Amino acid sequence: MTPSNTLLLLLSIVAAFLSVPCSSFGSGTAISAATIRVADISKDLSAIQECRRSAYANEGKDVSTLLSAAKSFCNADQIQKPGYICVIAQAKDGTVLGTADLNTRAKIVNN
């Protein structure tokens, strides 16, 4: 993958995750105040998981009762594997506001 293709894919991720934010966006946090970047899984994993769980909790769903695919999403299992990139929007206080994942082999964005 060339650097320009990678950049285009990352921009696609940003557009995709902005369309389906986590519940934190509803709390009055302005997207303009967020930093959008590629996640460092070793540092950002717990914040990513909290963001994803909050999306389900915001809909009144208990994460423990979700189907396995939804639990896997909340646990961020996929982005911990080689070949995946996660882009996050992060508030100044460190809260992850939204995420999108890129499968670099299949060039598919999930959010």
N, C-alpha and C. Protein backbone atom coordinates (compact mmCIF):
# COMPACT_ATOMS: atom_id res chain seq x y z
N MET A 1 0.85 -1.17 0.00
CA MET A 1 0.00 0.00 0.00
C MET A 1 0.90 1.23 0.00
N THR A 2 0.65 2.13 -0.91
CA THR A 2 1.46 3.35 -1.01
C THR A 2 1.03 4.34 0.07
N PRO A 3 1.92 5.28 0.40
CA PRO A 3 1.54 6.28 1.41
C PRO A 3 0.29 7.07 1.02
N SER A 4 0.12 7.39 -0.26
CA SER A 4 -1.06 8.16 -0.66
C SER A 4 -2.33 7.32 -0.51
N ASN A 5 -2.25 6.01 -0.81
CA ASN A 5 -3.41 5.14 -0.62
C ASN A 5 -3.76 5.03 0.86
N THR A 6 -2.74 4.93 1.70
CA THR A 6 -2.97 4.84 3.13
C THR A 6 -3.65 6.11 3.64
N LEU A 7 -3.20 7.27 3.18
CA LEU A 7 -3.81 8.52 3.58
C LEU A 7 -5.27 8.59 3.16
N LEU A 8 -5.57 8.17 1.94
CA LEU A 8 -6.95 8.17 1.47
C LEU A 8 -7.82 7.24 2.31
N LEU A 9 -7.28 6.09 2.67
CA LEU A 9 -8.04 5.16 3.50
C LEU A 9 -8.29 5.74 4.89
N LEU A 10 -7.28 6.40 5.45
CA LEU A 10 -7.46 7.00 6.77
C LEU A 10 -8.50 8.12 6.72
N LEU A 11 -8.50 8.89 5.66
CA LEU A 11 -9.51 9.93 5.53
C LEU A 11 -10.90 9.32 5.40
N SER A 12 -11.00 8.18 4.73
CA SER A 12 -12.28 7.47 4.63
C SER A 12 -12.75 7.03 6.01
N ILE A 13 -11.81 6.58 6.82
CA ILE A 13 -12.15 6.17 8.19
C ILE A 13 -12.72 7.34 8.97
N VAL A 14 -12.07 8.47 8.88
CA VAL A 14 -12.53 9.66 9.61
C VAL A 14 -13.95 10.00 9.21
N ALA A 15 -14.21 10.01 7.93
CA ALA A 15 -15.56 10.31 7.45
C ALA A 15 -16.56 9.27 7.95
N ALA A 16 -16.16 8.00 7.95
CA ALA A 16 -17.07 6.94 8.38
C ALA A 16 -17.40 7.04 9.85
N PHE A 17 -16.40 7.25 10.71
CA PHE A 17 -16.73 7.24 12.13
C PHE A 17 -17.46 8.50 12.55
N LEU A 18 -17.28 9.58 11.85
CA LEU A 18 -18.03 10.78 12.19
C LEU A 18 -19.52 10.60 11.95
N SER A 19 -19.87 9.62 11.12
CA SER A 19 -21.28 9.38 10.86
C SER A 19 -21.95 8.57 11.97
N VAL A 20 -21.18 7.87 12.81
CA VAL A 20 -21.74 7.06 13.89
C VAL A 20 -20.89 7.25 15.15
N PRO A 21 -21.08 8.34 15.86
CA PRO A 21 -20.28 8.61 17.05
C PRO A 21 -20.76 7.84 18.27
N CYS A 22 -19.89 7.75 19.25
CA CYS A 22 -20.25 7.16 20.54
C CYS A 22 -21.09 8.17 21.31
N SER A 23 -21.61 7.75 22.43
CA SER A 23 -22.54 8.58 23.17
C SER A 23 -21.91 9.87 23.69
N SER A 24 -20.61 9.92 23.78
CA SER A 24 -19.95 11.11 24.30
C SER A 24 -20.26 12.35 23.49
N PHE A 25 -20.53 12.21 22.18
CA PHE A 25 -20.85 13.37 21.37
C PHE A 25 -22.13 14.04 21.85
N GLY A 26 -23.05 13.25 22.37
CA GLY A 26 -24.31 13.79 22.84
C GLY A 26 -24.19 14.58 24.13
N SER A 27 -23.03 14.53 24.76
CA SER A 27 -22.87 15.19 26.06
C SER A 27 -22.43 16.64 25.93
N GLY A 28 -22.47 17.20 24.71
CA GLY A 28 -22.12 18.60 24.54
C GLY A 28 -20.68 18.82 24.10
N THR A 29 -19.92 17.76 23.87
CA THR A 29 -18.54 17.90 23.42
C THR A 29 -18.53 18.27 21.94
N ALA A 30 -17.85 19.31 21.59
CA ALA A 30 -17.80 19.75 20.20
C ALA A 30 -16.75 18.95 19.44
N ILE A 31 -17.11 18.47 18.26
CA ILE A 31 -16.16 17.72 17.45
C ILE A 31 -14.98 18.60 17.06
N SER A 32 -15.18 19.90 16.93
CA SER A 32 -14.08 20.79 16.56
C SER A 32 -13.00 20.82 17.63
N ALA A 33 -13.34 20.46 18.85
CA ALA A 33 -12.36 20.44 19.93
C ALA A 33 -11.64 19.11 20.03
N ALA A 34 -11.99 18.17 19.17
CA ALA A 34 -11.41 16.83 19.23
C ALA A 34 -10.16 16.73 18.37
N THR A 35 -9.29 15.83 18.77
CA THR A 35 -8.12 15.46 17.97
C THR A 35 -8.44 14.16 17.27
N ILE A 36 -8.22 14.10 15.98
CA ILE A 36 -8.44 12.87 15.22
C ILE A 36 -7.09 12.30 14.87
N ARG A 37 -6.87 11.03 15.26
CA ARG A 37 -5.56 10.41 15.04
C ARG A 37 -5.68 8.91 15.02
N VAL A 38 -4.61 8.26 14.57
CA VAL A 38 -4.52 6.81 14.62
C VAL A 38 -4.28 6.43 16.07
N ALA A 39 -5.04 5.48 16.55
CA ALA A 39 -4.92 5.06 17.95
C ALA A 39 -3.62 4.31 18.20
N ASP A 40 -3.09 4.48 19.39
CA ASP A 40 -1.98 3.67 19.90
C ASP A 40 -2.65 2.65 20.81
N ILE A 41 -2.83 1.44 20.32
CA ILE A 41 -3.61 0.43 21.05
C ILE A 41 -3.07 0.20 22.45
N SER A 42 -1.76 0.22 22.62
CA SER A 42 -1.20 -0.03 23.95
C SER A 42 -1.60 1.05 24.95
N LYS A 43 -1.89 2.27 24.47
CA LYS A 43 -2.26 3.36 25.36
C LYS A 43 -3.75 3.67 25.34
N ASP A 44 -4.41 3.45 24.20
CA ASP A 44 -5.79 3.90 24.00
C ASP A 44 -6.86 2.82 24.13
N LEU A 45 -6.47 1.57 24.31
CA LEU A 45 -7.43 0.47 24.27
C LEU A 45 -8.57 0.64 25.27
N SER A 46 -8.27 0.95 26.52
CA SER A 46 -9.35 1.05 27.51
C SER A 46 -10.31 2.19 27.18
N ALA A 47 -9.81 3.31 26.66
CA ALA A 47 -10.68 4.43 26.29
C ALA A 47 -11.54 4.07 25.07
N ILE A 48 -10.97 3.32 24.13
CA ILE A 48 -11.72 2.86 22.96
C ILE A 48 -12.85 1.94 23.41
N GLN A 49 -12.54 1.00 24.29
CA GLN A 49 -13.56 0.08 24.80
C GLN A 49 -14.67 0.82 25.52
N GLU A 50 -14.32 1.79 26.33
CA GLU A 50 -15.34 2.56 27.06
C GLU A 50 -16.25 3.32 26.08
N CYS A 51 -15.65 3.90 25.06
CA CYS A 51 -16.43 4.62 24.05
C CYS A 51 -17.42 3.67 23.38
N ARG A 52 -16.96 2.51 22.98
CA ARG A 52 -17.83 1.56 22.29
C ARG A 52 -18.92 1.03 23.20
N ARG A 53 -18.59 0.77 24.44
CA ARG A 53 -19.62 0.30 25.39
C ARG A 53 -20.65 1.39 25.64
N SER A 54 -20.20 2.64 25.67
CA SER A 54 -21.12 3.75 25.93
C SER A 54 -22.15 3.89 24.81
N ALA A 55 -21.77 3.52 23.60
CA ALA A 55 -22.72 3.60 22.48
C ALA A 55 -23.90 2.66 22.71
N TYR A 56 -23.65 1.48 23.25
CA TYR A 56 -24.73 0.53 23.54
C TYR A 56 -25.50 0.95 24.78
N ALA A 57 -24.79 1.41 25.79
CA ALA A 57 -25.46 1.84 27.02
C ALA A 57 -26.38 3.02 26.75
N ASN A 58 -25.97 3.88 25.84
CA ASN A 58 -26.78 5.04 25.47
C ASN A 58 -28.12 4.62 24.86
N GLU A 59 -28.15 3.44 24.27
CA GLU A 59 -29.38 2.91 23.68
C GLU A 59 -30.14 2.04 24.67
N GLY A 60 -29.69 2.00 25.92
CA GLY A 60 -30.36 1.23 26.94
C GLY A 60 -30.05 -0.26 26.92
N LYS A 61 -28.96 -0.63 26.25
CA LYS A 61 -28.60 -2.05 26.16
C LYS A 61 -27.51 -2.39 27.16
N ASP A 62 -27.64 -3.55 27.77
CA ASP A 62 -26.64 -4.05 28.70
C ASP A 62 -25.60 -4.81 27.89
N VAL A 63 -24.34 -4.39 27.97
CA VAL A 63 -23.26 -4.99 27.18
C VAL A 63 -23.16 -6.49 27.44
N SER A 64 -23.44 -6.93 28.65
CA SER A 64 -23.29 -8.35 28.98
C SER A 64 -24.30 -9.24 28.26
N THR A 65 -25.37 -8.64 27.72
CA THR A 65 -26.39 -9.43 27.03
C THR A 65 -26.28 -9.36 25.51
N LEU A 66 -25.26 -8.71 25.01
CA LEU A 66 -25.10 -8.55 23.56
C LEU A 66 -24.66 -9.85 22.90
N LEU A 67 -24.92 -9.96 21.61
CA LEU A 67 -24.43 -11.09 20.84
C LEU A 67 -22.92 -11.03 20.75
N SER A 68 -22.29 -12.15 20.40
CA SER A 68 -20.83 -12.23 20.41
C SER A 68 -20.16 -11.19 19.51
N ALA A 69 -20.73 -10.89 18.34
CA ALA A 69 -20.12 -9.90 17.45
C ALA A 69 -20.12 -8.52 18.10
N ALA A 70 -21.20 -8.16 18.78
CA ALA A 70 -21.28 -6.86 19.45
C ALA A 70 -20.32 -6.81 20.64
N LYS A 71 -20.21 -7.91 21.37
CA LYS A 71 -19.26 -7.97 22.48
C LYS A 71 -17.84 -7.81 21.96
N SER A 72 -17.54 -8.46 20.85
CA SER A 72 -16.22 -8.37 20.24
C SER A 72 -15.92 -6.93 19.84
N PHE A 73 -16.92 -6.24 19.27
CA PHE A 73 -16.77 -4.84 18.91
C PHE A 73 -16.48 -4.00 20.16
N CYS A 74 -17.26 -4.19 21.20
CA CYS A 74 -17.07 -3.42 22.44
C CYS A 74 -15.69 -3.67 23.05
N ASN A 75 -15.22 -4.90 22.95
CA ASN A 75 -13.91 -5.26 23.49
C ASN A 75 -12.76 -4.84 22.58
N ALA A 76 -13.10 -4.38 21.37
CA ALA A 76 -12.11 -3.95 20.38
C ALA A 76 -11.17 -5.10 20.00
N ASP A 77 -11.72 -6.30 19.90
CA ASP A 77 -10.92 -7.48 19.59
C ASP A 77 -10.22 -7.35 18.23
N GLN A 78 -10.95 -6.88 17.25
CA GLN A 78 -10.44 -6.83 15.88
C GLN A 78 -9.19 -5.95 15.76
N ILE A 79 -9.23 -4.78 16.36
CA ILE A 79 -8.12 -3.84 16.18
C ILE A 79 -6.86 -4.25 16.93
N GLN A 80 -6.94 -5.29 17.73
CA GLN A 80 -5.77 -5.80 18.42
C GLN A 80 -5.02 -6.83 17.57
N LYS A 81 -5.55 -7.12 16.38
CA LYS A 81 -4.93 -8.07 15.47
C LYS A 81 -4.09 -7.34 14.43
N PRO A 82 -3.07 -8.01 13.88
CA PRO A 82 -2.29 -7.39 12.81
C PRO A 82 -3.18 -7.11 11.59
N GLY A 83 -2.88 -6.04 10.88
CA GLY A 83 -3.63 -5.72 9.68
C GLY A 83 -4.80 -4.79 9.90
N TYR A 84 -4.95 -4.25 11.11
CA TYR A 84 -6.04 -3.33 11.42
C TYR A 84 -5.49 -2.03 11.98
N ILE A 85 -6.14 -0.94 11.63
CA ILE A 85 -5.82 0.38 12.14
C ILE A 85 -7.11 0.94 12.73
N CYS A 86 -6.99 1.59 13.88
CA CYS A 86 -8.13 2.26 14.49
C CYS A 86 -7.85 3.76 14.53
N VAL A 87 -8.79 4.54 14.03
CA VAL A 87 -8.71 5.99 14.10
C VAL A 87 -9.71 6.45 15.15
N ILE A 88 -9.27 7.37 15.99
CA ILE A 88 -10.13 7.85 17.06
C ILE A 88 -10.26 9.37 17.01
N ALA A 89 -11.39 9.84 17.52
CA ALA A 89 -11.56 11.26 17.83
C ALA A 89 -11.48 11.33 19.35
N GLN A 90 -10.61 12.18 19.84
CA GLN A 90 -10.36 12.22 21.28
C GLN A 90 -10.49 13.65 21.79
N ALA A 91 -11.24 13.80 22.86
CA ALA A 91 -11.41 15.10 23.51
C ALA A 91 -10.12 15.47 24.24
N LYS A 92 -10.02 16.73 24.60
CA LYS A 92 -8.82 17.21 25.29
C LYS A 92 -8.59 16.50 26.63
N ASP A 93 -9.68 16.01 27.24
CA ASP A 93 -9.55 15.32 28.53
C ASP A 93 -9.18 13.85 28.37
N GLY A 94 -8.98 13.39 27.12
CA GLY A 94 -8.59 12.00 26.87
C GLY A 94 -9.74 11.08 26.53
N THR A 95 -10.97 11.54 26.68
CA THR A 95 -12.14 10.72 26.36
C THR A 95 -12.18 10.45 24.86
N VAL A 96 -12.36 9.18 24.49
CA VAL A 96 -12.52 8.84 23.08
C VAL A 96 -13.97 9.08 22.71
N LEU A 97 -14.18 9.92 21.70
CA LEU A 97 -15.52 10.32 21.30
C LEU A 97 -16.10 9.45 20.19
N GLY A 98 -15.24 8.84 19.40
CA GLY A 98 -15.70 8.00 18.30
C GLY A 98 -14.54 7.22 17.72
N THR A 99 -14.84 6.11 17.07
CA THR A 99 -13.80 5.26 16.50
C THR A 99 -14.20 4.76 15.13
N ALA A 100 -13.21 4.37 14.35
CA ALA A 100 -13.44 3.67 13.09
C ALA A 100 -12.23 2.78 12.85
N ASP A 101 -12.48 1.60 12.34
CA ASP A 101 -11.42 0.62 12.12
C ASP A 101 -11.22 0.40 10.64
N LEU A 102 -9.98 0.17 10.25
CA LEU A 102 -9.65 -0.13 8.87
C LEU A 102 -8.95 -1.48 8.80
N ASN A 103 -9.50 -2.37 7.99
CA ASN A 103 -8.82 -3.61 7.66
C ASN A 103 -7.92 -3.26 6.49
N THR A 104 -6.61 -3.22 6.71
CA THR A 104 -5.69 -2.74 5.69
C THR A 104 -5.54 -3.71 4.53
N ARG A 105 -5.84 -4.97 4.75
CA ARG A 105 -5.76 -5.95 3.65
C ARG A 105 -6.97 -5.89 2.73
N ALA A 106 -8.15 -5.84 3.34
CA ALA A 106 -9.40 -5.83 2.55
C ALA A 106 -9.84 -4.40 2.21
N LYS A 107 -9.20 -3.41 2.82
CA LYS A 107 -9.54 -2.00 2.63
C LYS A 107 -11.02 -1.73 2.96
N ILE A 108 -11.46 -2.29 4.08
CA ILE A 108 -12.83 -2.12 4.56
C ILE A 108 -12.81 -1.33 5.85
N VAL A 109 -13.70 -0.35 5.95
CA VAL A 109 -13.82 0.47 7.15
C VAL A 109 -15.03 -0.01 7.94
N ASN A 110 -14.83 -0.21 9.24
CA ASN A 110 -15.92 -0.55 10.15
C ASN A 110 -15.98 0.54 11.21
N ASN A 111 -17.19 0.93 11.60
CA ASN A 111 -17.34 1.87 12.70
C ASN A 111 -18.53 1.51 13.54
